[in-house]
Amino acid sequence: IAETHRKYGPWCKGIAFRILELQEEAEECVSDTYL
């Protein structure tokens, strides 16, 4: 999970943020992606 976050965290967060338009929701979405 740490390596996934290091390599793809910003990319995944960008996808989520463009859809949700809220930082907190985007971060939560990325955490759910890792799960």
PDB file of all heavy atoms in Angstrom:
ATOM      1  N   ILE A   1       0.840  -1.204   0.000  1.00  0.00           N
ATOM      2  CA  ILE A   1       0.000   0.000   0.000  1.00  0.00           C
ATOM      3  C   ILE A   1       0.874   1.252   0.000  1.00  0.00           C
ATOM      4  O   ILE A   1       0.608   2.203  -0.740  1.00  0.00           O
ATOM      5  CB  ILE A   1      -0.972  -0.020   1.192  1.00  0.00           C
ATOM      6  CG1 ILE A   1      -1.971  -1.165   0.974  1.00  0.00           C
ATOM      7  CG2 ILE A   1      -1.688   1.318   1.342  1.00  0.00           C
ATOM      8  CD1 ILE A   1      -2.902  -1.419   2.119  1.00  0.00           C
ATOM      9  N   ALA A   2       1.931   1.237   0.793  1.00  0.00           N
ATOM     10  CA  ALA A   2       2.833   2.395   0.831  1.00  0.00           C
ATOM     11  C   ALA A   2       3.481   2.626  -0.531  1.00  0.00           C
ATOM     12  O   ALA A   2       3.588   3.772  -1.004  1.00  0.00           O
ATOM     13  CB  ALA A   2       3.899   2.203   1.908  1.00  0.00           C
ATOM     14  N   GLU A   3       3.896   1.559  -1.183  1.00  0.00           N
ATOM     15  CA  GLU A   3       4.529   1.685  -2.506  1.00  0.00           C
ATOM     16  C   GLU A   3       3.513   2.113  -3.564  1.00  0.00           C
ATOM     17  O   GLU A   3       3.838   2.902  -4.451  1.00  0.00           O
ATOM     18  CB  GLU A   3       5.197   0.363  -2.915  1.00  0.00           C
ATOM     19  CG  GLU A   3       6.436   0.042  -2.111  1.00  0.00           C
ATOM     20  CD  GLU A   3       7.540   1.077  -2.275  1.00  0.00           C
ATOM     21  OE1 GLU A   3       7.694   1.659  -3.381  1.00  0.00           O
ATOM     22  OE2 GLU A   3       8.268   1.315  -1.289  1.00  0.00           O
ATOM     23  N   THR A   4       2.297   1.610  -3.447  1.00  0.00           N
ATOM     24  CA  THR A   4       1.243   2.024  -4.375  1.00  0.00           C
ATOM     25  C   THR A   4       0.974   3.509  -4.208  1.00  0.00           C
ATOM     26  O   THR A   4       0.860   4.247  -5.191  1.00  0.00           O
ATOM     27  CB  THR A   4      -0.050   1.216  -4.118  1.00  0.00           C
ATOM     28  OG1 THR A   4       0.241  -0.180  -4.284  1.00  0.00           O
ATOM     29  CG2 THR A   4      -1.152   1.618  -5.079  1.00  0.00           C
ATOM     30  N   HIS A   5       0.893   3.952  -2.960  1.00  0.00           N
ATOM     31  CA  HIS A   5       0.644   5.367  -2.682  1.00  0.00           C
ATOM     32  C   HIS A   5       1.796   6.238  -3.202  1.00  0.00           C
ATOM     33  O   HIS A   5       1.553   7.286  -3.806  1.00  0.00           O
ATOM     34  CB  HIS A   5       0.454   5.591  -1.184  1.00  0.00           C
ATOM     35  CG  HIS A   5       0.196   7.018  -0.837  1.00  0.00           C
ATOM     36  ND1 HIS A   5      -0.973   7.662  -1.179  1.00  0.00           N
ATOM     37  CD2 HIS A   5       0.972   7.948  -0.216  1.00  0.00           C
ATOM     38  CE1 HIS A   5      -0.906   8.914  -0.766  1.00  0.00           C
ATOM     39  NE2 HIS A   5       0.256   9.106  -0.185  1.00  0.00           N
ATOM     40  N   ARG A   6       3.012   5.792  -2.977  1.00  0.00           N
ATOM     41  CA  ARG A   6       4.177   6.559  -3.430  1.00  0.00           C
ATOM     42  C   ARG A   6       4.170   6.719  -4.952  1.00  0.00           C
ATOM     43  O   ARG A   6       4.401   7.806  -5.474  1.00  0.00           O
ATOM     44  CB  ARG A   6       5.470   5.874  -2.982  1.00  0.00           C
ATOM     45  CG  ARG A   6       6.731   6.669  -3.339  1.00  0.00           C
ATOM     46  CD  ARG A   6       8.011   5.886  -3.090  1.00  0.00           C
ATOM     47  NE  ARG A   6       8.107   4.674  -3.877  1.00  0.00           N
ATOM     48  CZ  ARG A   6       8.353   4.625  -5.190  1.00  0.00           C
ATOM     49  NH1 ARG A   6       8.532   5.741  -5.865  1.00  0.00           N
ATOM     50  NH2 ARG A   6       8.422   3.483  -5.826  1.00  0.00           N
ATOM     51  N   LYS A   7       3.867   5.644  -5.656  1.00  0.00           N
ATOM     52  CA  LYS A   7       3.961   5.668  -7.107  1.00  0.00           C
ATOM     53  C   LYS A   7       2.698   6.228  -7.781  1.00  0.00           C
ATOM     54  O   LYS A   7       2.791   6.959  -8.770  1.00  0.00           O
ATOM     55  CB  LYS A   7       4.237   4.255  -7.634  1.00  0.00           C
ATOM     56  CG  LYS A   7       4.551   4.222  -9.119  1.00  0.00           C
ATOM     57  CD  LYS A   7       5.095   2.882  -9.549  1.00  0.00           C
ATOM     58  CE  LYS A   7       5.484   2.905 -11.023  1.00  0.00           C
ATOM     59  NZ  LYS A   7       5.996   1.619 -11.465  1.00  0.00           N
ATOM     60  N   TYR A   8       1.526   5.892  -7.250  1.00  0.00           N
ATOM     61  CA  TYR A   8       0.284   6.238  -7.942  1.00  0.00           C
ATOM     62  C   TYR A   8      -0.682   7.099  -7.142  1.00  0.00           C
ATOM     63  O   TYR A   8      -1.741   7.453  -7.656  1.00  0.00           O
ATOM     64  CB  TYR A   8      -0.443   4.954  -8.382  1.00  0.00           C
ATOM     65  CG  TYR A   8       0.339   4.186  -9.415  1.00  0.00           C
ATOM     66  CD1 TYR A   8       0.824   2.915  -9.148  1.00  0.00           C
ATOM     67  CD2 TYR A   8       0.606   4.751 -10.658  1.00  0.00           C
ATOM     68  CE1 TYR A   8       1.546   2.210 -10.099  1.00  0.00           C
ATOM     69  CE2 TYR A   8       1.330   4.066 -11.608  1.00  0.00           C
ATOM     70  CZ  TYR A   8       1.794   2.789 -11.328  1.00  0.00           C
ATOM     71  OH  TYR A   8       2.505   2.104 -12.261  1.00  0.00           O
ATOM     72  N   GLY A   9      -0.340   7.448  -5.913  1.00  0.00           N
ATOM     73  CA  GLY A   9      -1.229   8.255  -5.082  1.00  0.00           C
ATOM     74  C   GLY A   9      -1.654   9.557  -5.730  1.00  0.00           C
ATOM     75  O   GLY A   9      -2.861   9.848  -5.826  1.00  0.00           O
ATOM     76  N   PRO A  10      -0.716  10.388  -6.198  1.00  0.00           N
ATOM     77  CA  PRO A  10      -1.114  11.661  -6.811  1.00  0.00           C
ATOM     78  C   PRO A  10      -1.979  11.476  -8.067  1.00  0.00           C
ATOM     79  O   PRO A  10      -2.917  12.235  -8.300  1.00  0.00           O
ATOM     80  CB  PRO A  10       0.223  12.325  -7.158  1.00  0.00           C
ATOM     81  CG  PRO A  10       1.208  11.699  -6.223  1.00  0.00           C
ATOM     82  CD  PRO A  10       0.742  10.284  -6.032  1.00  0.00           C
ATOM     83  N   TRP A  11      -1.657  10.460  -8.847  1.00  0.00           N
ATOM     84  CA  TRP A  11      -2.428  10.204 -10.066  1.00  0.00           C
ATOM     85  C   TRP A  11      -3.860   9.809  -9.715  1.00  0.00           C
ATOM     86  O   TRP A  11      -4.822  10.349 -10.279  1.00  0.00           O
ATOM     87  CB  TRP A  11      -1.730   9.121 -10.888  1.00  0.00           C
ATOM     88  CG  TRP A  11      -2.382   8.861 -12.209  1.00  0.00           C
ATOM     89  CD1 TRP A  11      -2.385   9.685 -13.302  1.00  0.00           C
ATOM     90  CD2 TRP A  11      -3.138   7.715 -12.576  1.00  0.00           C
ATOM     91  NE1 TRP A  11      -3.094   9.103 -14.323  1.00  0.00           N
ATOM     92  CE2 TRP A  11      -3.562   7.889 -13.910  1.00  0.00           C
ATOM     93  CE3 TRP A  11      -3.481   6.543 -11.912  1.00  0.00           C
ATOM     94  CZ2 TRP A  11      -4.315   6.946 -14.578  1.00  0.00           C
ATOM     95  CZ3 TRP A  11      -4.233   5.604 -12.588  1.00  0.00           C
ATOM     96  CH2 TRP A  11      -4.645   5.807 -13.908  1.00  0.00           C
ATOM     97  N   CYS A  12      -4.030   8.875  -8.776  1.00  0.00           N
ATOM     98  CA  CYS A  12      -5.364   8.443  -8.350  1.00  0.00           C
ATOM     99  C   CYS A  12      -6.126   9.598  -7.711  1.00  0.00           C
ATOM    100  O   CYS A  12      -7.320   9.785  -7.966  1.00  0.00           O
ATOM    101  CB  CYS A  12      -5.264   7.267  -7.373  1.00  0.00           C
ATOM    102  SG  CYS A  12      -4.746   5.719  -8.148  1.00  0.00           S
ATOM    103  N   LYS A  13      -5.442  10.396  -6.905  1.00  0.00           N
ATOM    104  CA  LYS A  13      -6.108  11.520  -6.258  1.00  0.00           C
ATOM    105  C   LYS A  13      -6.583  12.532  -7.304  1.00  0.00           C
ATOM    106  O   LYS A  13      -7.649  13.122  -7.163  1.00  0.00           O
ATOM    107  CB  LYS A  13      -5.179  12.188  -5.254  1.00  0.00           C
ATOM    108  CG  LYS A  13      -5.863  13.254  -4.438  1.00  0.00           C
ATOM    109  CD  LYS A  13      -4.959  13.815  -3.375  1.00  0.00           C
ATOM    110  CE  LYS A  13      -5.632  14.926  -2.614  1.00  0.00           C
ATOM    111  NZ  LYS A  13      -4.735  15.562  -1.668  1.00  0.00           N
ATOM    112  N   GLY A  14      -5.805  12.723  -8.352  1.00  0.00           N
ATOM    113  CA  GLY A  14      -6.211  13.630  -9.423  1.00  0.00           C
ATOM    114  C   GLY A  14      -7.488  13.159 -10.102  1.00  0.00           C
ATOM    115  O   GLY A  14      -8.381  13.963 -10.388  1.00  0.00           O
ATOM    116  N   ILE A  15      -7.590  11.870 -10.349  1.00  0.00           N
ATOM    117  CA  ILE A  15      -8.803  11.319 -10.958  1.00  0.00           C
ATOM    118  C   ILE A  15      -9.996  11.572 -10.041  1.00  0.00           C
ATOM    119  O   ILE A  15     -11.035  12.084 -10.469  1.00  0.00           O
ATOM    120  CB  ILE A  15      -8.645   9.806 -11.227  1.00  0.00           C
ATOM    121  CG1 ILE A  15      -7.614   9.554 -12.329  1.00  0.00           C
ATOM    122  CG2 ILE A  15      -9.994   9.176 -11.606  1.00  0.00           C
ATOM    123  CD1 ILE A  15      -7.226   8.102 -12.493  1.00  0.00           C
ATOM    124  N   ALA A  16      -9.840  11.224  -8.772  1.00  0.00           N
ATOM    125  CA  ALA A  16     -10.935  11.381  -7.813  1.00  0.00           C
ATOM    126  C   ALA A  16     -11.308  12.851  -7.633  1.00  0.00           C
ATOM    127  O   ALA A  16     -12.494  13.194  -7.575  1.00  0.00           O
ATOM    128  CB  ALA A  16     -10.551  10.751  -6.473  1.00  0.00           C
ATOM    129  N   PHE A  17     -10.313  13.725  -7.567  1.00  0.00           N
ATOM    130  CA  PHE A  17     -10.603  15.147  -7.349  1.00  0.00           C
ATOM    131  C   PHE A  17     -11.352  15.761  -8.518  1.00  0.00           C
ATOM    132  O   PHE A  17     -12.260  16.569  -8.332  1.00  0.00           O
ATOM    133  CB  PHE A  17      -9.317  15.928  -7.062  1.00  0.00           C
ATOM    134  CG  PHE A  17      -9.589  17.382  -6.796  1.00  0.00           C
ATOM    135  CD1 PHE A  17     -10.103  17.786  -5.579  1.00  0.00           C
ATOM    136  CD2 PHE A  17      -9.360  18.340  -7.772  1.00  0.00           C
ATOM    137  CE1 PHE A  17     -10.382  19.127  -5.330  1.00  0.00           C
ATOM    138  CE2 PHE A  17      -9.631  19.674  -7.537  1.00  0.00           C
ATOM    139  CZ  PHE A  17     -10.145  20.071  -6.311  1.00  0.00           C
ATOM    140  N   ARG A  18     -10.982  15.386  -9.751  1.00  0.00           N
ATOM    141  CA  ARG A  18     -11.674  15.942 -10.916  1.00  0.00           C
ATOM    142  C   ARG A  18     -13.146  15.543 -10.930  1.00  0.00           C
ATOM    143  O   ARG A  18     -13.988  16.254 -11.457  1.00  0.00           O
ATOM    144  CB  ARG A  18     -10.984  15.533 -12.206  1.00  0.00           C
ATOM    145  CG  ARG A  18      -9.721  16.341 -12.486  1.00  0.00           C
ATOM    146  CD  ARG A  18      -9.175  16.098 -13.867  1.00  0.00           C
ATOM    147  NE  ARG A  18      -8.764  14.736 -14.117  1.00  0.00           N
ATOM    148  CZ  ARG A  18      -7.576  14.227 -13.772  1.00  0.00           C
ATOM    149  NH1 ARG A  18      -6.687  14.972 -13.154  1.00  0.00           N
ATOM    150  NH2 ARG A  18      -7.285  12.979 -14.047  1.00  0.00           N
ATOM    151  N   ILE A  19     -13.467  14.415 -10.339  1.00  0.00           N
ATOM    152  CA  ILE A  19     -14.855  13.968 -10.291  1.00  0.00           C
ATOM    153  C   ILE A  19     -15.578  14.570  -9.086  1.00  0.00           C
ATOM    154  O   ILE A  19     -16.676  15.108  -9.209  1.00  0.00           O
ATOM    155  CB  ILE A  19     -14.936  12.432 -10.256  1.00  0.00           C
ATOM    156  CG1 ILE A  19     -14.405  11.863 -11.584  1.00  0.00           C
ATOM    157  CG2 ILE A  19     -16.363  11.951  -9.979  1.00  0.00           C
ATOM    158  CD1 ILE A  19     -14.187  10.374 -11.594  1.00  0.00           C
ATOM    159  N   LEU A  20     -14.948  14.491  -7.911  1.00  0.00           N
ATOM    160  CA  LEU A  20     -15.614  14.889  -6.668  1.00  0.00           C
ATOM    161  C   LEU A  20     -15.455  16.366  -6.319  1.00  0.00           C
ATOM    162  O   LEU A  20     -16.274  16.926  -5.593  1.00  0.00           O
ATOM    163  CB  LEU A  20     -15.088  14.027  -5.507  1.00  0.00           C
ATOM    164  CG  LEU A  20     -15.364  12.528  -5.653  1.00  0.00           C
ATOM    165  CD1 LEU A  20     -14.564  11.738  -4.640  1.00  0.00           C
ATOM    166  CD2 LEU A  20     -16.854  12.255  -5.527  1.00  0.00           C
ATOM    167  N   GLU A  21     -14.361  16.968  -6.758  1.00  0.00           N
ATOM    168  CA  GLU A  21     -14.071  18.383  -6.535  1.00  0.00           C
ATOM    169  C   GLU A  21     -13.942  18.768  -5.062  1.00  0.00           C
ATOM    170  O   GLU A  21     -14.140  19.915  -4.698  1.00  0.00           O
ATOM    171  CB  GLU A  21     -15.106  19.265  -7.241  1.00  0.00           C
ATOM    172  CG  GLU A  21     -15.088  19.060  -8.744  1.00  0.00           C
ATOM    173  CD  GLU A  21     -16.123  19.875  -9.474  1.00  0.00           C
ATOM    174  OE1 GLU A  21     -17.162  20.227  -8.870  1.00  0.00           O
ATOM    175  OE2 GLU A  21     -15.892  20.160 -10.662  1.00  0.00           O
ATOM    176  N   LEU A  22     -13.638  17.799  -4.225  1.00  0.00           N
ATOM    177  CA  LEU A  22     -13.396  18.039  -2.799  1.00  0.00           C
ATOM    178  C   LEU A  22     -12.164  17.233  -2.384  1.00  0.00           C
ATOM    179  O   LEU A  22     -12.127  16.012  -2.578  1.00  0.00           O
ATOM    180  CB  LEU A  22     -14.594  17.597  -1.945  1.00  0.00           C
ATOM    181  CG  LEU A  22     -15.896  18.363  -2.142  1.00  0.00           C
ATOM    182  CD1 LEU A  22     -17.040  17.629  -1.457  1.00  0.00           C
ATOM    183  CD2 LEU A  22     -15.760  19.776  -1.596  1.00  0.00           C
ATOM    184  N   GLN A  23     -11.163  17.909  -1.814  1.00  0.00           N
ATOM    185  CA  GLN A  23      -9.912  17.241  -1.433  1.00  0.00           C
ATOM    186  C   GLN A  23     -10.149  16.073  -0.485  1.00  0.00           C
ATOM    187  O   GLN A  23      -9.597  14.997  -0.669  1.00  0.00           O
ATOM    188  CB  GLN A  23      -8.938  18.239  -0.774  1.00  0.00           C
ATOM    189  CG  GLN A  23      -8.317  19.224  -1.710  1.00  0.00           C
ATOM    190  CD  GLN A  23      -7.299  18.604  -2.651  1.00  0.00           C
ATOM    191  OE1 GLN A  23      -7.158  17.396  -2.778  1.00  0.00           O
ATOM    192  NE2 GLN A  23      -6.572  19.449  -3.338  1.00  0.00           N
ATOM    193  N   GLU A  24     -10.950  16.312   0.555  1.00  0.00           N
ATOM    194  CA  GLU A  24     -11.151  15.277   1.567  1.00  0.00           C
ATOM    195  C   GLU A  24     -11.813  14.042   0.959  1.00  0.00           C
ATOM    196  O   GLU A  24     -11.448  12.911   1.270  1.00  0.00           O
ATOM    197  CB  GLU A  24     -12.016  15.802   2.725  1.00  0.00           C
ATOM    198  CG  GLU A  24     -11.445  16.993   3.449  1.00  0.00           C
ATOM    199  CD  GLU A  24     -11.717  18.323   2.720  1.00  0.00           C
ATOM    200  OE1 GLU A  24     -12.655  18.399   1.898  1.00  0.00           O
ATOM    201  OE2 GLU A  24     -10.966  19.267   2.981  1.00  0.00           O
ATOM    202  N   GLU A  25     -12.794  14.265   0.101  1.00  0.00           N
ATOM    203  CA  GLU A  25     -13.485  13.149  -0.541  1.00  0.00           C
ATOM    204  C   GLU A  25     -12.547  12.415  -1.502  1.00  0.00           C
ATOM    205  O   GLU A  25     -12.592  11.187  -1.612  1.00  0.00           O
ATOM    206  CB  GLU A  25     -14.740  13.634  -1.268  1.00  0.00           C
ATOM    207  CG  GLU A  25     -15.823  14.109  -0.348  1.00  0.00           C
ATOM    208  CD  GLU A  25     -16.335  13.017   0.586  1.00  0.00           C
ATOM    209  OE1 GLU A  25     -16.414  11.844   0.187  1.00  0.00           O
ATOM    210  OE2 GLU A  25     -16.669  13.356   1.736  1.00  0.00           O
ATOM    211  N   ALA A  26     -11.712  13.158  -2.201  1.00  0.00           N
ATOM    212  CA  ALA A  26     -10.751  12.540  -3.116  1.00  0.00           C
ATOM    213  C   ALA A  26      -9.765  11.663  -2.343  1.00  0.00           C
ATOM    214  O   ALA A  26      -9.457  10.540  -2.756  1.00  0.00           O
ATOM    215  CB  ALA A  26     -10.009  13.608  -3.915  1.00  0.00           C
ATOM    216  N   GLU A  27      -9.277  12.173  -1.200  1.00  0.00           N
ATOM    217  CA  GLU A  27      -8.348  11.396  -0.379  1.00  0.00           C
ATOM    218  C   GLU A  27      -9.018  10.131   0.153  1.00  0.00           C
ATOM    219  O   GLU A  27      -8.410   9.056   0.167  1.00  0.00           O
ATOM    220  CB  GLU A  27      -7.830  12.256   0.770  1.00  0.00           C
ATOM    221  CG  GLU A  27      -6.886  13.346   0.305  1.00  0.00           C
ATOM    222  CD  GLU A  27      -6.578  14.384   1.376  1.00  0.00           C
ATOM    223  OE1 GLU A  27      -7.028  14.229   2.530  1.00  0.00           O
ATOM    224  OE2 GLU A  27      -5.875  15.365   1.039  1.00  0.00           O
ATOM    225  N   GLU A  28     -10.259  10.250   0.577  1.00  0.00           N
ATOM    226  CA  GLU A  28     -11.013   9.093   1.065  1.00  0.00           C
ATOM    227  C   GLU A  28     -11.189   8.058  -0.050  1.00  0.00           C
ATOM    228  O   GLU A  28     -11.074   6.859   0.163  1.00  0.00           O
ATOM    229  CB  GLU A  28     -12.371   9.562   1.576  1.00  0.00           C
ATOM    230  CG  GLU A  28     -13.184   8.512   2.241  1.00  0.00           C
ATOM    231  CD  GLU A  28     -12.889   8.384   3.721  1.00  0.00           C
ATOM    232  OE1 GLU A  28     -12.319   9.318   4.305  1.00  0.00           O
ATOM    233  OE2 GLU A  28     -13.233   7.336   4.265  1.00  0.00           O
ATOM    234  N   CYS A  29     -11.459   8.543  -1.238  1.00  0.00           N
ATOM    235  CA  CYS A  29     -11.641   7.675  -2.393  1.00  0.00           C
ATOM    236  C   CYS A  29     -10.347   6.914  -2.710  1.00  0.00           C
ATOM    237  O   CYS A  29     -10.378   5.723  -3.009  1.00  0.00           O
ATOM    238  CB  CYS A  29     -12.085   8.514  -3.585  1.00  0.00           C
ATOM    239  SG  CYS A  29     -12.611   7.566  -4.987  1.00  0.00           S
ATOM    240  N   VAL A  30      -9.227   7.598  -2.618  1.00  0.00           N
ATOM    241  CA  VAL A  30      -7.937   6.946  -2.876  1.00  0.00           C
ATOM    242  C   VAL A  30      -7.666   5.893  -1.807  1.00  0.00           C
ATOM    243  O   VAL A  30      -7.190   4.785  -2.116  1.00  0.00           O
ATOM    244  CB  VAL A  30      -6.798   7.993  -2.956  1.00  0.00           C
ATOM    245  CG1 VAL A  30      -5.443   7.317  -3.018  1.00  0.00           C
ATOM    246  CG2 VAL A  30      -7.002   8.883  -4.179  1.00  0.00           C
ATOM    247  N   SER A  31      -7.990   6.189  -0.566  1.00  0.00           N
ATOM    248  CA  SER A  31      -7.834   5.181   0.497  1.00  0.00           C
ATOM    249  C   SER A  31      -8.694   3.959   0.205  1.00  0.00           C
ATOM    250  O   SER A  31      -8.249   2.815   0.399  1.00  0.00           O
ATOM    251  CB  SER A  31      -8.219   5.771   1.854  1.00  0.00           C
ATOM    252  OG  SER A  31      -7.318   6.773   2.225  1.00  0.00           O
ATOM    253  N   ASP A  32      -9.907   4.185  -0.263  1.00  0.00           N
ATOM    254  CA  ASP A  32     -10.783   3.070  -0.629  1.00  0.00           C
ATOM    255  C   ASP A  32     -10.211   2.283  -1.810  1.00  0.00           C
ATOM    256  O   ASP A  32     -10.385   1.062  -1.894  1.00  0.00           O
ATOM    257  CB  ASP A  32     -12.180   3.574  -0.962  1.00  0.00           C
ATOM    258  CG  ASP A  32     -12.935   4.079   0.258  1.00  0.00           C
ATOM    259  OD1 ASP A  32     -12.492   3.818   1.399  1.00  0.00           O
ATOM    260  OD2 ASP A  32     -13.971   4.759   0.074  1.00  0.00           O
ATOM    261  N   THR A  33      -9.523   2.977  -2.702  1.00  0.00           N
ATOM    262  CA  THR A  33      -8.872   2.305  -3.828  1.00  0.00           C
ATOM    263  C   THR A  33      -7.823   1.336  -3.313  1.00  0.00           C
ATOM    264  O   THR A  33      -7.742   0.184  -3.769  1.00  0.00           O
ATOM    265  CB  THR A  33      -8.216   3.333  -4.777  1.00  0.00           C
ATOM    266  OG1 THR A  33      -9.230   4.179  -5.310  1.00  0.00           O
ATOM    267  CG2 THR A  33      -7.461   2.657  -5.907  1.00  0.00           C
ATOM    268  N   TYR A  34      -7.014   1.777  -2.356  1.00  0.00           N
ATOM    269  CA  TYR A  34      -5.989   0.899  -1.792  1.00  0.00           C
ATOM    270  C   TYR A  34      -6.615  -0.302  -1.099  1.00  0.00           C
ATOM    271  O   TYR A  34      -6.106  -1.429  -1.203  1.00  0.00           O
ATOM    272  CB  TYR A  34      -5.095   1.658  -0.810  1.00  0.00           C
ATOM    273  CG  TYR A  34      -4.375   2.852  -1.410  1.00  0.00           C
ATOM    274  CD1 TYR A  34      -4.040   3.935  -0.622  1.00  0.00           C
ATOM    275  CD2 TYR A  34      -4.040   2.909  -2.754  1.00  0.00           C
ATOM    276  CE1 TYR A  34      -3.379   5.035  -1.141  1.00  0.00           C
ATOM    277  CE2 TYR A  34      -3.383   4.006  -3.291  1.00  0.00           C
ATOM    278  CZ  TYR A  34      -3.064   5.062  -2.475  1.00  0.00           C
ATOM    279  OH  TYR A  34      -2.416   6.148  -2.997  1.00  0.00           O
ATOM    280  N   LEU A  35      -7.726  -0.077  -0.410  1.00  0.00           N
ATOM    281  CA  LEU A  35      -8.420  -1.183   0.258  1.00  0.00           C
ATOM    282  C   LEU A  35      -8.923  -2.194  -0.765  1.00  0.00           C
ATOM    283  O   LEU A  35      -8.770  -3.406  -0.580  1.00  0.00           O
ATOM    284  CB  LEU A  35      -9.574  -0.649   1.110  1.00  0.00           C
ATOM    285  CG  LEU A  35     -10.417  -1.714   1.822  1.00  0.00           C
ATOM    286  CD1 LEU A  35      -9.569  -2.504   2.813  1.00  0.00           C
ATOM    287  CD2 LEU A  35     -11.601  -1.065   2.518  1.00  0.00           C
TER     288      LEU A  35
END
